[in-house]
């Protein structure tokens, strides 16, 4: 493809070598179990993309705590029991020469209690009208914020244990990290709100 001379050329992400510049974006597929576990159908889906030539396969937004699940049948990284399934997925994709990445996140106000079985939580009591019903979230306490920072860290450790090649922290699309960064959704007046500098620490 002379129009794109570098598309199939090897590339690097830091110290990581990738066989080409083709990346499968982290699209949510609704193929996970309700527990957040990967299924054989999900593994088969990723294997087909690896065999098809993708250099890097990013899975999808993977919740770090059940209260941050965005929808049912979404992958999670909140439980050690999930690691075995991810190792199988990664091994299959590696067999075809593709790398695999995990994207960790927490939905915050962009979910609903029918999904999480609990009231959504967020930096401030500002509902998300993009979600059906626009449910009012409960304001996170400072100890809960600390617990969620730890949940991101332990989810990342599980991703390492699962032998993922890449870990992405999802701070876009208005999810929890973005909610803390935004003055629209973060109206706190404590150490995690107010001016821009105080809204930054929760971005890990």
C-alpha atoms as a PDB file:
ATOM      1  CA  UNK A   1       0.000   0.000   0.000  1.00  0.00           C
ATOM      2  CA  UNK A   2       2.190   2.821  -1.305  1.00  0.00           C
ATOM      3  CA  UNK A   3      -0.295   5.423  -0.042  1.00  0.00           C
ATOM      4  CA  UNK A   4       0.438   4.291   3.522  1.00  0.00           C
ATOM      5  CA  UNK A   5       4.056   3.120   3.393  1.00  0.00           C
ATOM      6  CA  UNK A   6       4.411   2.748   7.160  1.00  0.00           C
ATOM      7  CA  UNK A   7       1.125   0.948   7.910  1.00  0.00           C
ATOM      8  CA  UNK A   8       2.629  -2.547   7.864  1.00  0.00           C
ATOM      9  CA  UNK A   9       6.056  -1.516   9.090  1.00  0.00           C
ATOM     10  CA  UNK A  10       7.110  -2.484  12.632  1.00  0.00           C
ATOM     11  CA  UNK A  11       6.650   0.202  15.249  1.00  0.00           C
ATOM     12  CA  UNK A  12       7.397   0.882  18.883  1.00  0.00           C
ATOM     13  CA  UNK A  13       5.440   2.087  21.896  1.00  0.00           C
ATOM     14  CA  UNK A  14       8.203   3.036  24.288  1.00  0.00           C
ATOM     15  CA  UNK A  15      10.277  -0.139  24.665  1.00  0.00           C
ATOM     16  CA  UNK A  16       7.484  -2.298  23.250  1.00  0.00           C
ATOM     17  CA  UNK A  17       7.919  -3.587  19.682  1.00  0.00           C
ATOM     18  CA  UNK A  18       4.712  -3.905  17.630  1.00  0.00           C
ATOM     19  CA  UNK A  19       4.670  -5.818  14.355  1.00  0.00           C
ATOM     20  CA  UNK A  20       2.757  -3.083  12.486  1.00  0.00           C
ATOM     21  CA  UNK A  21       0.808   0.134  13.029  1.00  0.00           C
ATOM     22  CA  UNK A  22      -2.638  -1.504  13.046  1.00  0.00           C
ATOM     23  CA  UNK A  23      -4.407  -1.163  16.401  1.00  0.00           C
ATOM     24  CA  UNK A  24      -7.840  -2.565  17.176  1.00  0.00           C
ATOM     25  CA  UNK A  25      -9.607   0.115  19.192  1.00  0.00           C
ATOM     26  CA  UNK A  26     -11.073  -0.749  22.631  1.00  0.00           C
ATOM     27  CA  UNK A  27     -14.680  -1.390  21.626  1.00  0.00           C
ATOM     28  CA  UNK A  28     -17.163  -2.815  24.139  1.00  0.00           C
ATOM     29  CA  UNK A  29     -18.529  -6.039  22.708  1.00  0.00           C
ATOM     30  CA  UNK A  30     -21.177  -7.299  25.180  1.00  0.00           C
ATOM     31  CA  UNK A  31     -19.510 -10.721  25.118  1.00  0.00           C
ATOM     32  CA  UNK A  32     -18.413 -11.009  28.769  1.00  0.00           C
ATOM     33  CA  UNK A  33     -20.185 -12.892  31.538  1.00  0.00           C
ATOM     34  CA  UNK A  34     -22.245 -10.827  34.023  1.00  0.00           C
ATOM     35  CA  UNK A  35     -19.355 -11.364  36.476  1.00  0.00           C
ATOM     36  CA  UNK A  36     -16.987  -9.501  34.152  1.00  0.00           C
ATOM     37  CA  UNK A  37     -15.206 -12.695  33.101  1.00  0.00           C
ATOM     38  CA  UNK A  38     -14.003 -13.246  29.559  1.00  0.00           C
ATOM     39  CA  UNK A  39     -15.842 -15.910  27.529  1.00  0.00           C
ATOM     40  CA  UNK A  40     -14.669 -18.302  24.841  1.00  0.00           C
ATOM     41  CA  UNK A  41     -16.652 -16.303  22.308  1.00  0.00           C
ATOM     42  CA  UNK A  42     -14.713 -13.198  23.342  1.00  0.00           C
ATOM     43  CA  UNK A  43     -11.416 -15.077  23.016  1.00  0.00           C
ATOM     44  CA  UNK A  44     -12.415 -16.353  19.574  1.00  0.00           C
ATOM     45  CA  UNK A  45     -13.323 -12.812  18.509  1.00  0.00           C
ATOM     46  CA  UNK A  46      -9.902 -11.502  19.525  1.00  0.00           C
ATOM     47  CA  UNK A  47      -8.078 -14.456  17.997  1.00  0.00           C
ATOM     48  CA  UNK A  48      -9.710 -13.758  14.630  1.00  0.00           C
ATOM     49  CA  UNK A  49      -8.435 -10.159  14.740  1.00  0.00           C
ATOM     50  CA  UNK A  50      -4.958 -11.315  15.784  1.00  0.00           C
ATOM     51  CA  UNK A  51      -4.866 -13.859  12.961  1.00  0.00           C
ATOM     52  CA  UNK A  52      -6.084 -11.148  10.603  1.00  0.00           C
ATOM     53  CA  UNK A  53      -2.961  -9.105  11.208  1.00  0.00           C
ATOM     54  CA  UNK A  54      -3.667  -6.558  13.960  1.00  0.00           C
ATOM     55  CA  UNK A  55      -0.471  -5.471  15.665  1.00  0.00           C
ATOM     56  CA  UNK A  56      -2.127  -4.455  18.946  1.00  0.00           C
ATOM     57  CA  UNK A  57      -5.561  -5.437  20.242  1.00  0.00           C
ATOM     58  CA  UNK A  58      -7.027  -3.200  22.935  1.00  0.00           C
ATOM     59  CA  UNK A  59      -9.920  -5.047  24.571  1.00  0.00           C
ATOM     60  CA  UNK A  60     -12.468  -2.595  25.995  1.00  0.00           C
ATOM     61  CA  UNK A  61     -13.108  -0.459  29.058  1.00  0.00           C
ATOM     62  CA  UNK A  62     -12.672  -2.858  31.990  1.00  0.00           C
ATOM     63  CA  UNK A  63     -14.165  -1.771  35.302  1.00  0.00           C
ATOM     64  CA  UNK A  64     -11.934  -1.720  38.371  1.00  0.00           C
ATOM     65  CA  UNK A  65     -14.849  -2.098  40.798  1.00  0.00           C
ATOM     66  CA  UNK A  66     -18.401  -3.445  40.265  1.00  0.00           C
ATOM     67  CA  UNK A  67     -19.865  -0.044  41.223  1.00  0.00           C
ATOM     68  CA  UNK A  68     -18.105   1.373  38.167  1.00  0.00           C
ATOM     69  CA  UNK A  69     -19.543  -1.054  35.613  1.00  0.00           C
ATOM     70  CA  UNK A  70     -21.078   0.800  32.681  1.00  0.00           C
ATOM     71  CA  UNK A  71     -23.271  -1.983  31.361  1.00  0.00           C
ATOM     72  CA  UNK A  72     -23.889  -5.689  31.737  1.00  0.00           C
ATOM     73  CA  UNK A  73     -21.635  -8.169  29.912  1.00  0.00           C
ATOM     74  CA  UNK A  74     -18.656  -5.828  30.163  1.00  0.00           C
ATOM     75  CA  UNK A  75     -15.166  -7.051  31.063  1.00  0.00           C
ATOM     76  CA  UNK A  76     -13.908  -6.407  34.581  1.00  0.00           C
ATOM     77  CA  UNK A  77     -10.515  -6.375  36.289  1.00  0.00           C
ATOM     78  CA  UNK A  78     -11.872  -6.218  39.823  1.00  0.00           C
ATOM     79  CA  UNK A  79     -11.296  -9.813  40.919  1.00  0.00           C
ATOM     80  CA  UNK A  80      -8.259 -12.110  40.956  1.00  0.00           C
ATOM     81  CA  UNK A  81     -10.428 -14.951  39.643  1.00  0.00           C
ATOM     82  CA  UNK A  82     -10.588 -13.207  36.259  1.00  0.00           C
ATOM     83  CA  UNK A  83      -6.850 -13.475  35.578  1.00  0.00           C
ATOM     84  CA  UNK A  84      -6.846 -17.062  34.289  1.00  0.00           C
ATOM     85  CA  UNK A  85      -9.272 -16.273  31.483  1.00  0.00           C
ATOM     86  CA  UNK A  86      -7.287 -13.231  30.397  1.00  0.00           C
ATOM     87  CA  UNK A  87      -4.089 -15.257  30.300  1.00  0.00           C
ATOM     88  CA  UNK A  88      -5.772 -17.633  27.864  1.00  0.00           C
ATOM     89  CA  UNK A  89      -6.889 -14.729  25.672  1.00  0.00           C
ATOM     90  CA  UNK A  90      -3.444 -13.134  25.660  1.00  0.00           C
ATOM     91  CA  UNK A  91      -1.706 -16.426  24.909  1.00  0.00           C
ATOM     92  CA  UNK A  92      -3.960 -17.077  21.902  1.00  0.00           C
ATOM     93  CA  UNK A  93      -3.342 -13.603  20.473  1.00  0.00           C
ATOM     94  CA  UNK A  94       0.408 -13.843  21.090  1.00  0.00           C
ATOM     95  CA  UNK A  95       0.428 -17.093  19.141  1.00  0.00           C
ATOM     96  CA  UNK A  96      -0.632 -15.076  16.080  1.00  0.00           C
ATOM     97  CA  UNK A  97       1.896 -12.301  16.723  1.00  0.00           C
ATOM     98  CA  UNK A  98      -0.474  -9.690  18.151  1.00  0.00           C
ATOM     99  CA  UNK A  99      -0.018  -7.775  21.394  1.00  0.00           C
ATOM    100  CA  UNK A 100      -2.955  -7.239  23.758  1.00  0.00           C
ATOM    101  CA  UNK A 101      -3.880  -4.278  25.941  1.00  0.00           C
ATOM    102  CA  UNK A 102      -6.219  -3.683  28.868  1.00  0.00           C
ATOM    103  CA  UNK A 103      -8.110  -0.415  29.366  1.00  0.00           C
ATOM    104  CA  UNK A 104      -9.091   0.195  32.994  1.00  0.00           C
ATOM    105  CA  UNK A 105     -11.848   2.563  34.039  1.00  0.00           C
ATOM    106  CA  UNK A 106     -14.710   3.426  36.380  1.00  0.00           C
ATOM    107  CA  UNK A 107     -17.976   4.765  34.930  1.00  0.00           C
ATOM    108  CA  UNK A 108     -18.858   7.106  37.803  1.00  0.00           C
ATOM    109  CA  UNK A 109     -22.029   9.045  36.995  1.00  0.00           C
ATOM    110  CA  UNK A 110     -22.203   7.458  33.527  1.00  0.00           C
ATOM    111  CA  UNK A 111     -24.040   4.345  34.688  1.00  0.00           C
ATOM    112  CA  UNK A 112     -27.266   3.469  36.500  1.00  0.00           C
ATOM    113  CA  UNK A 113     -28.389   1.453  39.505  1.00  0.00           C
ATOM    114  CA  UNK A 114     -30.085  -1.251  37.360  1.00  0.00           C
ATOM    115  CA  UNK A 115     -26.583  -2.028  36.027  1.00  0.00           C
ATOM    116  CA  UNK A 116     -24.496  -1.687  39.195  1.00  0.00           C
ATOM    117  CA  UNK A 117     -27.222  -2.605  41.722  1.00  0.00           C
ATOM    118  CA  UNK A 118     -26.214   0.501  43.673  1.00  0.00           C
ATOM    119  CA  UNK A 119     -26.581   4.255  43.244  1.00  0.00           C
ATOM    120  CA  UNK A 120     -23.937   5.672  40.896  1.00  0.00           C
ATOM    121  CA  UNK A 121     -21.118   7.603  42.566  1.00  0.00           C
ATOM    122  CA  UNK A 122     -19.325  10.693  41.299  1.00  0.00           C
ATOM    123  CA  UNK A 123     -17.237  13.671  42.466  1.00  0.00           C
ATOM    124  CA  UNK A 124     -20.406  15.756  42.870  1.00  0.00           C
ATOM    125  CA  UNK A 125     -24.176  15.362  42.698  1.00  0.00           C
ATOM    126  CA  UNK A 126     -24.428  16.167  38.995  1.00  0.00           C
ATOM    127  CA  UNK A 127     -26.463  13.658  36.943  1.00  0.00           C
ATOM    128  CA  UNK A 128     -25.425  12.528  33.477  1.00  0.00           C
ATOM    129  CA  UNK A 129     -28.198  13.208  30.993  1.00  0.00           C
ATOM    130  CA  UNK A 130     -26.442  11.047  28.380  1.00  0.00           C
ATOM    131  CA  UNK A 131     -27.440   7.980  30.408  1.00  0.00           C
ATOM    132  CA  UNK A 132     -31.085   6.922  30.298  1.00  0.00           C
ATOM    133  CA  UNK A 133     -32.885   8.411  33.273  1.00  0.00           C
ATOM    134  CA  UNK A 134     -29.999  10.697  34.259  1.00  0.00           C
ATOM    135  CA  UNK A 135     -29.837   9.189  37.749  1.00  0.00           C
ATOM    136  CA  UNK A 136     -28.512  11.449  40.508  1.00  0.00           C
ATOM    137  CA  UNK A 137     -25.113  10.143  41.703  1.00  0.00           C
ATOM    138  CA  UNK A 138     -24.017   9.964  45.313  1.00  0.00           C
ATOM    139  CA  UNK A 139     -21.023  12.137  46.196  1.00  0.00           C
ATOM    140  CA  UNK A 140     -17.853  10.155  46.875  1.00  0.00           C
ATOM    141  CA  UNK A 141     -16.274  10.591  50.301  1.00  0.00           C
ATOM    142  CA  UNK A 142     -12.529  11.164  50.568  1.00  0.00           C
ATOM    143  CA  UNK A 143     -11.906   7.629  51.944  1.00  0.00           C
ATOM    144  CA  UNK A 144     -13.901   6.229  49.006  1.00  0.00           C
ATOM    145  CA  UNK A 145     -11.740   8.233  46.592  1.00  0.00           C
ATOM    146  CA  UNK A 146      -8.644   6.712  48.167  1.00  0.00           C
ATOM    147  CA  UNK A 147     -10.193   3.250  47.844  1.00  0.00           C
ATOM    148  CA  UNK A 148     -10.889   3.829  44.150  1.00  0.00           C
ATOM    149  CA  UNK A 149      -7.307   4.953  43.519  1.00  0.00           C
ATOM    150  CA  UNK A 150      -6.254   1.670  45.113  1.00  0.00           C
ATOM    151  CA  UNK A 151      -8.803  -0.197  42.956  1.00  0.00           C
ATOM    152  CA  UNK A 152      -7.166   1.230  39.816  1.00  0.00           C
ATOM    153  CA  UNK A 153      -3.761   0.137  41.115  1.00  0.00           C
ATOM    154  CA  UNK A 154      -4.861  -3.408  41.928  1.00  0.00           C
ATOM    155  CA  UNK A 155      -6.655  -3.703  38.589  1.00  0.00           C
ATOM    156  CA  UNK A 156      -3.415  -2.705  36.870  1.00  0.00           C
ATOM    157  CA  UNK A 157      -1.584  -5.362  38.903  1.00  0.00           C
ATOM    158  CA  UNK A 158      -4.109  -7.946  37.701  1.00  0.00           C
ATOM    159  CA  UNK A 159      -3.503  -6.810  34.129  1.00  0.00           C
ATOM    160  CA  UNK A 160       0.219  -7.414  34.649  1.00  0.00           C
ATOM    161  CA  UNK A 161      -0.529 -10.833  36.154  1.00  0.00           C
ATOM    162  CA  UNK A 162      -2.704 -11.568  33.106  1.00  0.00           C
ATOM    163  CA  UNK A 163       0.353 -10.838  30.913  1.00  0.00           C
ATOM    164  CA  UNK A 164      -1.219  -7.943  29.008  1.00  0.00           C
ATOM    165  CA  UNK A 165       1.357  -6.031  26.989  1.00  0.00           C
ATOM    166  CA  UNK A 166      -0.249  -2.603  27.431  1.00  0.00           C
ATOM    167  CA  UNK A 167      -2.295  -0.989  30.201  1.00  0.00           C
ATOM    168  CA  UNK A 168      -4.298   2.138  29.425  1.00  0.00           C
ATOM    169  CA  UNK A 169      -5.965   4.255  32.121  1.00  0.00           C
ATOM    170  CA  UNK A 170      -9.222   5.512  30.638  1.00  0.00           C
ATOM    171  CA  UNK A 171      -9.691   9.185  31.477  1.00  0.00           C
ATOM    172  CA  UNK A 172     -11.808  10.201  28.469  1.00  0.00           C
ATOM    173  CA  UNK A 173     -15.492  10.157  27.484  1.00  0.00           C
ATOM    174  CA  UNK A 174     -16.652  11.671  30.752  1.00  0.00           C
ATOM    175  CA  UNK A 175     -15.921   8.661  32.944  1.00  0.00           C
ATOM    176  CA  UNK A 176     -14.799   9.046  36.567  1.00  0.00           C
ATOM    177  CA  UNK A 177     -11.291  10.424  36.004  1.00  0.00           C
ATOM    178  CA  UNK A 178     -12.664  12.923  33.498  1.00  0.00           C
ATOM    179  CA  UNK A 179     -15.462  13.789  35.923  1.00  0.00           C
ATOM    180  CA  UNK A 180     -12.895  14.814  38.537  1.00  0.00           C
ATOM    181  CA  UNK A 181     -10.951  16.872  36.012  1.00  0.00           C
ATOM    182  CA  UNK A 182     -14.015  18.765  34.739  1.00  0.00           C
ATOM    183  CA  UNK A 183     -15.331  21.816  36.585  1.00  0.00           C
ATOM    184  CA  UNK A 184     -18.800  20.936  35.241  1.00  0.00           C
ATOM    185  CA  UNK A 185     -19.018  17.574  37.018  1.00  0.00           C
ATOM    186  CA  UNK A 186     -16.606  18.329  39.883  1.00  0.00           C
ATOM    187  CA  UNK A 187     -18.053  21.018  42.157  1.00  0.00           C
ATOM    188  CA  UNK A 188     -16.256  19.935  45.312  1.00  0.00           C
ATOM    189  CA  UNK A 189     -14.642  22.438  47.652  1.00  0.00           C
ATOM    190  CA  UNK A 190     -12.220  20.026  49.352  1.00  0.00           C
ATOM    191  CA  UNK A 191      -8.761  18.782  48.343  1.00  0.00           C
ATOM    192  CA  UNK A 192     -10.228  17.043  45.255  1.00  0.00           C
ATOM    193  CA  UNK A 193     -12.126  20.009  43.846  1.00  0.00           C
ATOM    194  CA  UNK A 194     -12.083  23.735  43.268  1.00  0.00           C
ATOM    195  CA  UNK A 195      -9.318  25.097  41.084  1.00  0.00           C
ATOM    196  CA  UNK A 196      -7.690  23.106  38.293  1.00  0.00           C
ATOM    197  CA  UNK A 197      -4.681  22.030  40.366  1.00  0.00           C
ATOM    198  CA  UNK A 198      -6.887  20.496  43.063  1.00  0.00           C
ATOM    199  CA  UNK A 199      -8.903  18.606  40.456  1.00  0.00           C
ATOM    200  CA  UNK A 200      -5.719  16.946  39.122  1.00  0.00           C
ATOM    201  CA  UNK A 201      -4.512  14.581  41.912  1.00  0.00           C
ATOM    202  CA  UNK A 202      -7.216  11.959  41.312  1.00  0.00           C
ATOM    203  CA  UNK A 203      -5.944  11.521  37.741  1.00  0.00           C
ATOM    204  CA  UNK A 204      -3.383   9.112  39.301  1.00  0.00           C
END
